[in-house]
């Protein structure tokens, strides 16, 4: 699957939005990928995650466990794990920090992959990695459907992406005039402290 194919899937799902968006990192962008419009279609999700799983196998080999951050990473994490023949678990916030809950465990010797939907700064991937750092198993890398940083985000481990694409993003106090003139919308799921809409 090419980069154009991936963007075509997002466009066909109505998931490629333009305007003034507050990202989960707190930064601002003229483009937002509303991935839930993609994930509401199981066939489209399976197609994208199958392509991601192929790239993962080529880069990392066998994967035993896929760990994803709740909420946005659960669907692609589950489907990518299914395509890899791996177990799918997720971390969720407890007192503001990601933790494995619900009795989820990573056994010794397991080869672990973090799977996300979209990376911009890499913050939630790094938080997910920190949450599983004390558990047994070997974290071999991370995989994401879309890397909005075009390879610039440092997630702390090798990263595989289905689409590496540069989308500009800005600090809230450094907006270009054309973006500042638009009302800001926060479509993501993470609460942002100090962001002004």
N, C-alpha and C. Protein backbone atom coordinates (compact mmCIF):
# COMPACT_ATOMS: atom_id res chain seq x y z
N UNK A 1 0.85 -1.18 0.00
CA UNK A 1 0.00 0.00 0.00
C UNK A 1 0.89 1.24 0.00
N UNK A 2 0.68 2.14 -0.95
CA UNK A 2 1.49 3.35 -1.07
C UNK A 2 0.95 4.45 -0.16
N UNK A 3 1.73 5.50 0.01
CA UNK A 3 1.30 6.66 0.79
C UNK A 3 0.02 7.25 0.20
N UNK A 4 -0.04 7.33 -1.13
CA UNK A 4 -1.25 7.86 -1.78
C UNK A 4 -2.46 6.99 -1.49
N UNK A 5 -2.25 5.67 -1.42
CA UNK A 5 -3.35 4.75 -1.11
C UNK A 5 -3.88 5.01 0.30
N UNK A 6 -2.96 5.24 1.24
CA UNK A 6 -3.37 5.48 2.63
C UNK A 6 -4.16 6.78 2.72
N UNK A 7 -3.65 7.85 2.10
CA UNK A 7 -4.39 9.11 2.11
C UNK A 7 -5.74 8.98 1.43
N UNK A 8 -5.81 8.19 0.37
CA UNK A 8 -7.08 7.96 -0.32
C UNK A 8 -8.09 7.29 0.59
N UNK A 9 -7.63 6.36 1.44
CA UNK A 9 -8.54 5.71 2.39
C UNK A 9 -9.08 6.72 3.40
N UNK A 10 -8.22 7.60 3.89
CA UNK A 10 -8.67 8.63 4.84
C UNK A 10 -9.64 9.59 4.17
N UNK A 11 -9.33 10.00 2.93
CA UNK A 11 -10.23 10.90 2.20
C UNK A 11 -11.58 10.23 1.95
N UNK A 12 -11.56 8.98 1.52
CA UNK A 12 -12.81 8.26 1.22
C UNK A 12 -13.68 8.10 2.46
N UNK A 13 -13.04 8.03 3.63
CA UNK A 13 -13.79 7.90 4.89
C UNK A 13 -14.26 9.25 5.42
N UNK A 14 -13.90 10.35 4.76
CA UNK A 14 -14.24 11.68 5.25
C UNK A 14 -13.42 12.05 6.47
N UNK A 15 -12.23 11.46 6.60
CA UNK A 15 -11.41 11.62 7.80
C UNK A 15 -10.29 12.65 7.65
N UNK A 16 -10.14 13.24 6.47
CA UNK A 16 -9.09 14.24 6.25
C UNK A 16 -9.76 15.62 6.32
N UNK A 17 -9.59 16.29 7.47
CA UNK A 17 -10.29 17.55 7.73
C UNK A 17 -9.34 18.73 7.65
N UNK A 18 -9.86 19.88 7.21
CA UNK A 18 -9.06 21.09 7.14
C UNK A 18 -9.73 22.19 7.94
N UNK A 19 -8.92 23.02 8.62
CA UNK A 19 -9.43 24.10 9.46
C UNK A 19 -8.35 24.51 10.45
N UNK A 20 -8.75 24.74 11.71
CA UNK A 20 -7.81 25.08 12.79
C UNK A 20 -8.09 24.13 13.94
N UNK A 21 -7.17 23.21 14.16
CA UNK A 21 -7.39 22.13 15.12
C UNK A 21 -6.38 22.16 16.25
N UNK A 22 -6.86 21.86 17.46
CA UNK A 22 -6.00 21.70 18.62
C UNK A 22 -5.70 20.21 18.72
N UNK A 23 -4.43 19.87 18.55
CA UNK A 23 -4.02 18.46 18.60
C UNK A 23 -3.93 17.99 20.05
N UNK A 24 -3.85 16.69 20.25
CA UNK A 24 -3.77 16.15 21.61
C UNK A 24 -2.51 16.61 22.34
N UNK A 25 -1.49 17.01 21.59
CA UNK A 25 -0.25 17.53 22.18
C UNK A 25 -0.41 18.97 22.65
N UNK A 26 -1.50 19.63 22.23
CA UNK A 26 -1.69 21.04 22.53
C UNK A 26 -1.26 21.94 21.38
N UNK A 27 -0.53 21.39 20.42
CA UNK A 27 -0.11 22.17 19.27
C UNK A 27 -1.29 22.35 18.32
N UNK A 28 -1.15 23.27 17.37
CA UNK A 28 -2.23 23.60 16.44
C UNK A 28 -1.86 23.19 15.02
N UNK A 29 -2.87 22.81 14.25
CA UNK A 29 -2.61 22.35 12.88
C UNK A 29 -3.78 22.72 11.96
N UNK A 30 -3.48 22.98 10.67
CA UNK A 30 -4.54 23.23 9.70
C UNK A 30 -5.17 21.94 9.17
N UNK A 31 -4.61 20.79 9.55
CA UNK A 31 -5.12 19.49 9.08
C UNK A 31 -5.32 18.57 10.27
N UNK A 32 -6.45 17.87 10.28
CA UNK A 32 -6.71 16.89 11.32
C UNK A 32 -7.18 15.60 10.67
N UNK A 33 -6.62 14.49 11.10
CA UNK A 33 -7.05 13.18 10.61
C UNK A 33 -7.99 12.59 11.66
N UNK A 34 -9.28 12.59 11.33
CA UNK A 34 -10.28 12.04 12.25
C UNK A 34 -10.35 10.53 12.03
N UNK A 35 -9.39 9.84 12.65
CA UNK A 35 -9.21 8.41 12.39
C UNK A 35 -10.42 7.58 12.76
N UNK A 36 -11.26 8.06 13.66
CA UNK A 36 -12.43 7.27 14.03
C UNK A 36 -13.40 7.10 12.85
N UNK A 37 -13.35 8.03 11.89
CA UNK A 37 -14.15 7.85 10.67
C UNK A 37 -13.61 6.68 9.85
N UNK A 38 -12.32 6.42 9.94
CA UNK A 38 -11.71 5.26 9.29
C UNK A 38 -12.07 4.00 10.08
N UNK A 39 -11.91 4.06 11.41
CA UNK A 39 -12.08 2.87 12.24
C UNK A 39 -13.53 2.42 12.37
N UNK A 40 -14.49 3.26 11.99
CA UNK A 40 -15.89 2.81 12.04
C UNK A 40 -16.21 1.84 10.90
N UNK A 41 -15.28 1.70 9.96
CA UNK A 41 -15.44 0.79 8.82
C UNK A 41 -14.48 -0.38 9.02
N UNK A 42 -14.98 -1.55 9.48
CA UNK A 42 -14.08 -2.67 9.74
C UNK A 42 -13.27 -3.12 8.52
N UNK A 43 -13.87 -3.06 7.34
CA UNK A 43 -13.14 -3.50 6.14
C UNK A 43 -11.97 -2.57 5.83
N UNK A 44 -12.20 -1.26 5.93
CA UNK A 44 -11.14 -0.28 5.68
C UNK A 44 -10.04 -0.41 6.74
N UNK A 45 -10.45 -0.57 8.00
CA UNK A 45 -9.50 -0.72 9.10
C UNK A 45 -8.64 -1.96 8.88
N UNK A 46 -9.27 -3.08 8.51
CA UNK A 46 -8.53 -4.32 8.28
C UNK A 46 -7.52 -4.16 7.15
N UNK A 47 -7.91 -3.47 6.09
CA UNK A 47 -7.02 -3.27 4.95
C UNK A 47 -5.77 -2.47 5.36
N UNK A 48 -5.97 -1.37 6.09
CA UNK A 48 -4.85 -0.54 6.53
C UNK A 48 -3.96 -1.29 7.52
N UNK A 49 -4.58 -1.97 8.49
CA UNK A 49 -3.80 -2.67 9.51
C UNK A 49 -3.08 -3.89 8.94
N UNK A 50 -3.64 -4.52 7.92
CA UNK A 50 -2.94 -5.63 7.26
C UNK A 50 -1.67 -5.12 6.59
N UNK A 51 -1.77 -3.95 5.95
CA UNK A 51 -0.59 -3.35 5.31
C UNK A 51 0.45 -2.97 6.37
N UNK A 52 -0.01 -2.44 7.51
CA UNK A 52 0.92 -2.09 8.58
C UNK A 52 1.58 -3.35 9.14
N UNK A 53 0.80 -4.41 9.33
CA UNK A 53 1.34 -5.67 9.86
C UNK A 53 2.42 -6.24 8.94
N UNK A 54 2.24 -6.11 7.64
CA UNK A 54 3.25 -6.57 6.69
C UNK A 54 4.56 -5.83 6.89
N UNK A 55 4.49 -4.50 7.05
CA UNK A 55 5.70 -3.71 7.29
C UNK A 55 6.35 -4.07 8.63
N UNK A 56 5.51 -4.33 9.64
CA UNK A 56 6.02 -4.71 10.96
C UNK A 56 6.79 -6.03 10.87
N UNK A 57 6.22 -7.01 10.20
CA UNK A 57 6.89 -8.32 10.07
C UNK A 57 8.24 -8.18 9.37
N UNK A 58 8.27 -7.35 8.32
CA UNK A 58 9.52 -7.15 7.58
C UNK A 58 10.58 -6.50 8.47
N UNK A 59 10.18 -5.59 9.34
CA UNK A 59 11.15 -4.85 10.16
C UNK A 59 11.51 -5.57 11.46
N UNK A 60 10.50 -6.16 12.13
CA UNK A 60 10.73 -6.68 13.48
C UNK A 60 10.59 -8.20 13.61
N UNK A 61 10.06 -8.86 12.61
CA UNK A 61 9.86 -10.30 12.74
C UNK A 61 8.66 -10.62 13.61
N UNK A 62 8.78 -11.68 14.40
CA UNK A 62 7.66 -12.17 15.22
C UNK A 62 7.28 -11.14 16.30
N UNK A 63 5.99 -10.95 16.47
CA UNK A 63 5.45 -10.12 17.54
C UNK A 63 4.48 -10.98 18.34
N UNK A 64 4.63 -10.96 19.67
CA UNK A 64 3.75 -11.75 20.54
C UNK A 64 2.64 -10.90 21.17
N UNK A 65 2.98 -9.66 21.52
CA UNK A 65 2.01 -8.77 22.16
C UNK A 65 2.04 -7.41 21.49
N UNK A 66 0.85 -6.87 21.24
CA UNK A 66 0.71 -5.49 20.80
C UNK A 66 0.09 -4.72 21.96
N UNK A 67 0.73 -3.60 22.32
CA UNK A 67 0.23 -2.72 23.37
C UNK A 67 -0.11 -1.38 22.74
N UNK A 68 -1.30 -0.88 23.05
CA UNK A 68 -1.74 0.40 22.49
C UNK A 68 -2.25 1.32 23.58
N UNK A 69 -2.18 2.62 23.35
CA UNK A 69 -2.77 3.55 24.30
C UNK A 69 -4.27 3.70 24.06
N UNK A 70 -5.04 3.71 25.16
CA UNK A 70 -6.47 3.97 25.05
C UNK A 70 -6.65 5.49 24.86
N UNK A 71 -7.59 5.95 24.12
CA UNK A 71 -8.66 5.24 23.45
C UNK A 71 -8.31 5.04 21.97
N UNK A 72 -7.64 6.02 21.39
CA UNK A 72 -7.43 6.03 19.95
C UNK A 72 -6.63 4.88 19.39
N UNK A 73 -5.76 4.27 20.20
CA UNK A 73 -4.93 3.19 19.69
C UNK A 73 -5.54 1.81 19.80
N UNK A 74 -6.67 1.68 20.51
CA UNK A 74 -7.22 0.34 20.76
C UNK A 74 -7.63 -0.37 19.48
N UNK A 75 -8.37 0.31 18.61
CA UNK A 75 -8.86 -0.35 17.38
C UNK A 75 -7.71 -0.74 16.46
N UNK A 76 -6.79 0.18 16.10
CA UNK A 76 -5.69 -0.25 15.22
C UNK A 76 -4.76 -1.24 15.90
N UNK A 77 -4.61 -1.12 17.22
CA UNK A 77 -3.78 -2.08 17.95
C UNK A 77 -4.36 -3.48 17.88
N UNK A 78 -5.67 -3.57 18.12
CA UNK A 78 -6.35 -4.87 18.08
C UNK A 78 -6.25 -5.48 16.68
N UNK A 79 -6.58 -4.69 15.67
CA UNK A 79 -6.61 -5.23 14.31
C UNK A 79 -5.20 -5.58 13.81
N UNK A 80 -4.22 -4.77 14.17
CA UNK A 80 -2.84 -5.10 13.77
C UNK A 80 -2.39 -6.37 14.48
N UNK A 81 -2.74 -6.51 15.76
CA UNK A 81 -2.41 -7.74 16.50
C UNK A 81 -3.06 -8.95 15.84
N UNK A 82 -4.31 -8.80 15.43
CA UNK A 82 -5.01 -9.90 14.76
C UNK A 82 -4.28 -10.31 13.49
N UNK A 83 -3.85 -9.32 12.73
CA UNK A 83 -3.14 -9.59 11.48
C UNK A 83 -1.77 -10.25 11.75
N UNK A 84 -1.18 -9.94 12.90
CA UNK A 84 0.13 -10.50 13.26
C UNK A 84 0.03 -11.83 14.00
N UNK A 85 -1.18 -12.23 14.39
CA UNK A 85 -1.34 -13.44 15.20
C UNK A 85 -0.84 -13.23 16.62
N UNK A 86 -0.95 -11.99 17.11
CA UNK A 86 -0.45 -11.62 18.44
C UNK A 86 -1.62 -11.32 19.38
N UNK A 87 -1.32 -11.18 20.66
CA UNK A 87 -2.29 -10.74 21.66
C UNK A 87 -2.35 -9.21 21.63
N UNK A 88 -3.53 -8.66 21.90
CA UNK A 88 -3.71 -7.21 21.92
C UNK A 88 -4.13 -6.77 23.32
N UNK A 89 -3.35 -5.86 23.91
CA UNK A 89 -3.69 -5.28 25.20
C UNK A 89 -3.51 -3.76 25.09
N UNK A 90 -3.95 -3.04 26.11
CA UNK A 90 -3.82 -1.59 26.04
C UNK A 90 -3.54 -1.00 27.42
N UNK A 91 -2.95 0.19 27.39
CA UNK A 91 -2.75 0.96 28.61
C UNK A 91 -3.83 2.03 28.65
N UNK A 92 -4.17 2.44 29.87
CA UNK A 92 -5.15 3.51 30.03
C UNK A 92 -4.71 4.39 31.19
N UNK A 93 -5.27 5.58 31.24
CA UNK A 93 -4.83 6.54 32.24
C UNK A 93 -5.41 6.23 33.62
N UNK A 94 -4.53 6.31 34.61
CA UNK A 94 -4.91 6.20 36.01
C UNK A 94 -4.15 7.31 36.72
N UNK A 95 -4.90 8.26 37.30
CA UNK A 95 -4.28 9.44 37.92
C UNK A 95 -3.36 10.17 36.94
N UNK A 96 -3.79 10.24 35.68
CA UNK A 96 -3.06 11.00 34.67
C UNK A 96 -1.93 10.27 33.97
N UNK A 97 -1.61 9.04 34.41
CA UNK A 97 -0.52 8.29 33.79
C UNK A 97 -1.02 6.99 33.19
N UNK A 98 -0.42 6.60 32.06
CA UNK A 98 -0.76 5.32 31.45
C UNK A 98 -0.28 4.18 32.33
N UNK A 99 -1.14 3.15 32.45
CA UNK A 99 -0.79 1.94 33.18
C UNK A 99 -1.49 0.76 32.52
N UNK A 100 -0.88 -0.42 32.65
CA UNK A 100 -1.58 -1.65 32.28
C UNK A 100 -2.57 -1.92 33.41
N UNK A 101 -3.82 -2.13 33.08
CA UNK A 101 -4.86 -2.40 34.07
C UNK A 101 -5.62 -3.65 33.63
N UNK A 102 -6.75 -3.91 34.26
CA UNK A 102 -7.66 -5.01 33.88
C UNK A 102 -7.00 -6.38 33.95
N UNK A 103 -5.90 -6.49 34.68
CA UNK A 103 -5.21 -7.77 34.78
C UNK A 103 -4.28 -8.08 33.63
N UNK A 104 -4.08 -7.10 32.73
CA UNK A 104 -3.17 -7.32 31.60
C UNK A 104 -1.75 -7.51 32.11
N UNK A 105 -1.05 -8.48 31.54
CA UNK A 105 0.35 -8.72 31.86
C UNK A 105 1.11 -9.05 30.58
N UNK A 106 2.39 -8.80 30.62
CA UNK A 106 3.28 -9.17 29.51
C UNK A 106 4.21 -10.25 30.04
N UNK A 107 4.17 -11.45 29.48
CA UNK A 107 5.00 -12.54 30.00
C UNK A 107 6.48 -12.37 29.64
N UNK A 108 7.35 -12.96 30.45
CA UNK A 108 8.78 -12.93 30.13
C UNK A 108 9.03 -13.53 28.75
N UNK A 109 9.95 -12.92 28.01
CA UNK A 109 10.31 -13.43 26.69
C UNK A 109 9.41 -12.97 25.56
N UNK A 110 8.29 -12.32 25.87
CA UNK A 110 7.37 -11.86 24.82
C UNK A 110 8.01 -10.73 24.02
N UNK A 111 7.83 -10.79 22.71
CA UNK A 111 8.26 -9.70 21.83
C UNK A 111 7.09 -8.73 21.68
N UNK A 112 7.31 -7.49 22.13
CA UNK A 112 6.23 -6.51 22.28
C UNK A 112 6.39 -5.37 21.27
N UNK A 113 5.26 -4.97 20.71
CA UNK A 113 5.19 -3.85 19.78
C UNK A 113 4.14 -2.87 20.27
N UNK A 114 4.46 -1.59 20.31
CA UNK A 114 3.47 -0.55 20.60
C UNK A 114 2.85 -0.12 19.28
N UNK A 115 1.52 -0.12 19.21
CA UNK A 115 0.82 0.30 18.00
C UNK A 115 -0.07 1.49 18.32
N UNK A 116 0.04 2.52 17.52
CA UNK A 116 -0.72 3.76 17.66
C UNK A 116 -1.47 4.03 16.37
N UNK A 117 -2.37 4.98 16.43
CA UNK A 117 -3.08 5.43 15.25
C UNK A 117 -2.25 6.46 14.49
N UNK A 118 -1.98 7.60 15.17
CA UNK A 118 -1.29 8.72 14.53
C UNK A 118 -0.24 9.27 15.49
N UNK A 119 0.96 9.54 14.98
CA UNK A 119 2.02 10.17 15.77
C UNK A 119 2.23 11.58 15.24
N UNK A 120 2.27 12.54 16.17
CA UNK A 120 2.64 13.92 15.81
C UNK A 120 3.94 14.27 16.52
N UNK A 121 3.90 14.28 17.86
CA UNK A 121 5.12 14.56 18.64
C UNK A 121 5.71 13.28 19.22
N UNK A 122 4.92 12.20 19.27
CA UNK A 122 5.37 10.94 19.85
C UNK A 122 5.11 10.83 21.34
N UNK A 123 4.43 11.82 21.94
CA UNK A 123 4.22 11.83 23.38
C UNK A 123 3.47 10.61 23.88
N UNK A 124 2.33 10.27 23.29
CA UNK A 124 1.56 9.14 23.82
C UNK A 124 2.29 7.81 23.61
N UNK A 125 3.08 7.70 22.54
CA UNK A 125 3.88 6.49 22.34
C UNK A 125 4.93 6.38 23.44
N UNK A 126 5.60 7.49 23.73
CA UNK A 126 6.61 7.48 24.81
C UNK A 126 5.96 7.16 26.16
N UNK A 127 4.78 7.71 26.40
CA UNK A 127 4.06 7.42 27.65
C UNK A 127 3.68 5.94 27.73
N UNK A 128 3.27 5.38 26.62
CA UNK A 128 2.91 3.96 26.56
C UNK A 128 4.15 3.11 26.83
N UNK A 129 5.27 3.46 26.22
CA UNK A 129 6.52 2.73 26.45
C UNK A 129 6.94 2.81 27.91
N UNK A 130 6.78 3.97 28.52
CA UNK A 130 7.13 4.14 29.93
C UNK A 130 6.26 3.26 30.82
N UNK A 131 4.98 3.11 30.44
CA UNK A 131 4.05 2.31 31.23
C UNK A 131 4.40 0.83 31.23
N UNK A 132 5.02 0.35 30.16
CA UNK A 132 5.34 -1.08 30.08
C UNK A 132 6.82 -1.37 30.35
N UNK A 133 7.59 -0.33 30.61
CA UNK A 133 9.04 -0.50 30.79
C UNK A 133 9.38 -1.43 31.94
N UNK A 134 8.59 -1.47 33.00
CA UNK A 134 8.89 -2.31 34.14
C UNK A 134 8.36 -3.72 34.04
N UNK A 135 7.71 -4.03 32.92
CA UNK A 135 7.15 -5.37 32.73
C UNK A 135 8.14 -6.24 31.97
N UNK A 136 8.05 -7.57 32.18
CA UNK A 136 8.94 -8.43 31.41
C UNK A 136 8.58 -8.39 29.92
N UNK A 137 9.42 -8.97 29.13
CA UNK A 137 9.21 -8.92 27.68
C UNK A 137 10.18 -7.93 27.06
N UNK A 138 10.30 -8.01 25.75
CA UNK A 138 11.22 -7.15 25.00
C UNK A 138 10.42 -6.27 24.05
N UNK A 139 10.45 -4.97 24.27
CA UNK A 139 9.78 -4.05 23.36
C UNK A 139 10.70 -3.83 22.17
N UNK A 140 10.27 -4.30 21.00
CA UNK A 140 11.13 -4.26 19.82
C UNK A 140 10.96 -2.97 19.01
N UNK A 141 9.83 -2.30 19.18
CA UNK A 141 9.60 -1.08 18.41
C UNK A 141 8.17 -0.62 18.52
N UNK A 142 7.82 0.31 17.62
CA UNK A 142 6.47 0.86 17.57
C UNK A 142 6.03 0.94 16.12
N UNK A 143 4.72 0.94 15.93
CA UNK A 143 4.16 1.05 14.59
C UNK A 143 2.96 1.98 14.64
N UNK A 144 2.75 2.70 13.57
CA UNK A 144 1.70 3.70 13.52
C UNK A 144 1.14 3.75 12.10
N UNK A 145 -0.15 4.02 12.00
CA UNK A 145 -0.73 4.17 10.67
C UNK A 145 -0.18 5.41 9.98
N UNK A 146 -0.20 6.55 10.69
CA UNK A 146 0.26 7.80 10.09
C UNK A 146 1.25 8.50 11.01
N UNK A 147 2.42 8.81 10.48
CA UNK A 147 3.42 9.61 11.18
C UNK A 147 3.35 11.01 10.60
N UNK A 148 2.65 11.90 11.31
CA UNK A 148 2.47 13.29 10.84
C UNK A 148 3.75 14.10 10.88
N UNK A 149 4.77 13.58 11.56
CA UNK A 149 6.03 14.32 11.68
C UNK A 149 6.99 14.02 10.53
N UNK A 150 6.61 13.09 9.67
CA UNK A 150 7.47 12.65 8.56
C UNK A 150 8.83 12.17 9.06
N UNK A 151 8.78 11.39 10.15
CA UNK A 151 10.00 10.78 10.68
C UNK A 151 10.76 11.62 11.68
N UNK A 152 10.26 12.82 12.01
CA UNK A 152 10.99 13.70 12.93
C UNK A 152 10.68 13.43 14.40
N UNK A 153 9.53 12.83 14.70
CA UNK A 153 9.16 12.57 16.10
C UNK A 153 10.05 11.46 16.67
N UNK A 154 10.55 11.69 17.86
CA UNK A 154 11.37 10.69 18.54
C UNK A 154 10.49 9.96 19.54
N UNK A 155 10.17 8.70 19.24
CA UNK A 155 9.33 7.93 20.16
C UNK A 155 10.16 7.08 21.11
N UNK A 156 11.46 7.02 20.90
CA UNK A 156 12.33 6.29 21.82
C UNK A 156 12.68 4.88 21.39
N UNK A 157 12.02 4.38 20.36
CA UNK A 157 12.29 3.05 19.80
C UNK A 157 12.14 3.16 18.28
N UNK A 158 12.63 2.16 17.52
CA UNK A 158 12.41 2.19 16.07
C UNK A 158 10.92 2.26 15.75
N UNK A 159 10.56 3.10 14.78
CA UNK A 159 9.16 3.33 14.42
C UNK A 159 8.91 2.97 12.97
N UNK A 160 7.86 2.17 12.74
CA UNK A 160 7.39 1.83 11.40
C UNK A 160 6.07 2.56 11.19
N UNK A 161 5.92 3.20 10.03
CA UNK A 161 4.65 3.87 9.73
C UNK A 161 4.15 3.44 8.35
N UNK A 162 2.84 3.41 8.24
CA UNK A 162 2.23 3.11 6.95
C UNK A 162 2.32 4.34 6.04
N UNK A 163 2.17 5.52 6.65
CA UNK A 163 2.27 6.78 5.93
C UNK A 163 3.12 7.73 6.75
N UNK A 164 4.21 8.18 6.18
CA UNK A 164 5.04 9.22 6.80
C UNK A 164 4.78 10.49 6.01
N UNK A 165 4.21 11.48 6.68
CA UNK A 165 3.66 12.64 5.99
C UNK A 165 3.88 13.88 6.84
N UNK A 166 4.43 14.93 6.25
CA UNK A 166 4.61 16.16 7.02
C UNK A 166 3.35 17.00 6.97
N UNK A 167 2.80 17.25 8.14
CA UNK A 167 1.68 18.17 8.29
C UNK A 167 2.16 19.24 9.26
N UNK A 168 2.15 20.51 8.88
CA UNK A 168 2.66 21.53 9.79
C UNK A 168 1.83 21.60 11.07
N UNK A 169 2.52 21.86 12.17
CA UNK A 169 1.83 22.14 13.43
C UNK A 169 2.60 23.24 14.14
N UNK A 170 1.88 23.98 14.98
CA UNK A 170 2.44 25.19 15.56
C UNK A 170 2.13 25.28 17.05
N UNK A 171 3.01 25.97 17.77
CA UNK A 171 2.72 26.31 19.16
C UNK A 171 1.55 27.30 19.16
N UNK A 172 0.69 27.24 20.18
CA UNK A 172 -0.48 28.14 20.20
C UNK A 172 -0.13 29.63 20.11
N UNK A 173 1.07 30.01 20.57
CA UNK A 173 1.45 31.42 20.52
C UNK A 173 2.30 31.77 19.30
N UNK A 174 2.36 30.86 18.33
CA UNK A 174 3.17 31.11 17.12
C UNK A 174 2.40 30.70 15.87
N UNK A 175 1.13 31.05 15.81
CA UNK A 175 0.28 30.65 14.68
C UNK A 175 0.48 31.57 13.49
N UNK A 176 0.48 31.03 12.27
CA UNK A 176 0.47 31.90 11.10
C UNK A 176 -0.88 32.64 11.06
N UNK A 177 -0.91 33.85 10.50
CA UNK A 177 -2.14 34.67 10.52
C UNK A 177 -3.37 33.96 9.96
N UNK A 178 -3.18 33.19 8.87
CA UNK A 178 -4.34 32.53 8.26
C UNK A 178 -4.95 31.47 9.18
N UNK A 179 -4.13 30.84 10.01
CA UNK A 179 -4.64 29.85 10.96
C UNK A 179 -5.24 30.54 12.18
N UNK A 180 -4.59 31.60 12.66
CA UNK A 180 -5.09 32.36 13.81
C UNK A 180 -6.46 32.96 13.53
N UNK A 181 -6.76 33.24 12.26
CA UNK A 181 -8.04 33.86 11.90
C UNK A 181 -9.21 32.88 11.98
N UNK A 182 -8.92 31.57 12.06
CA UNK A 182 -9.98 30.56 12.11
C UNK A 182 -10.27 30.17 13.56
N UNK A 183 -11.53 29.83 13.87
CA UNK A 183 -11.82 29.34 15.23
C UNK A 183 -11.17 27.97 15.45
N UNK A 184 -10.61 27.78 16.65
CA UNK A 184 -9.94 26.52 16.97
C UNK A 184 -10.93 25.48 17.43
N UNK A 185 -10.74 24.25 16.96
CA UNK A 185 -11.59 23.11 17.32
C UNK A 185 -10.71 22.03 17.91
N UNK A 186 -11.18 21.39 18.99
CA UNK A 186 -10.40 20.31 19.62
C UNK A 186 -11.15 18.99 19.42
N UNK A 187 -10.85 18.28 18.33
CA UNK A 187 -11.58 17.04 18.05
C UNK A 187 -11.00 15.79 18.71
N UNK A 188 -9.82 15.88 19.32
CA UNK A 188 -9.17 14.69 19.90
C UNK A 188 -9.79 14.28 21.22
N UNK A 189 -9.24 13.20 21.83
CA UNK A 189 -9.82 12.64 23.04
C UNK A 189 -9.07 12.98 24.31
N UNK A 190 -7.84 13.47 24.21
CA UNK A 190 -7.04 13.73 25.41
C UNK A 190 -7.31 15.14 25.93
N UNK A 191 -7.51 15.25 27.23
CA UNK A 191 -7.68 16.57 27.84
C UNK A 191 -6.39 17.36 27.75
N UNK A 192 -6.49 18.61 27.42
CA UNK A 192 -5.32 19.45 27.25
C UNK A 192 -5.34 20.54 28.32
N UNK A 193 -4.32 20.59 29.13
CA UNK A 193 -4.22 21.63 30.14
C UNK A 193 -3.61 22.86 29.54
N UNK A 194 -4.26 23.99 29.75
CA UNK A 194 -3.69 25.26 29.31
C UNK A 194 -3.96 25.62 27.86
N UNK A 195 -4.66 24.75 27.12
CA UNK A 195 -4.96 25.08 25.72
C UNK A 195 -6.13 26.05 25.67
N UNK A 196 -6.06 27.00 24.74
CA UNK A 196 -7.15 27.96 24.58
C UNK A 196 -7.84 27.66 23.28
N UNK A 197 -9.14 27.51 23.34
CA UNK A 197 -9.90 27.22 22.12
C UNK A 197 -10.25 28.50 21.41
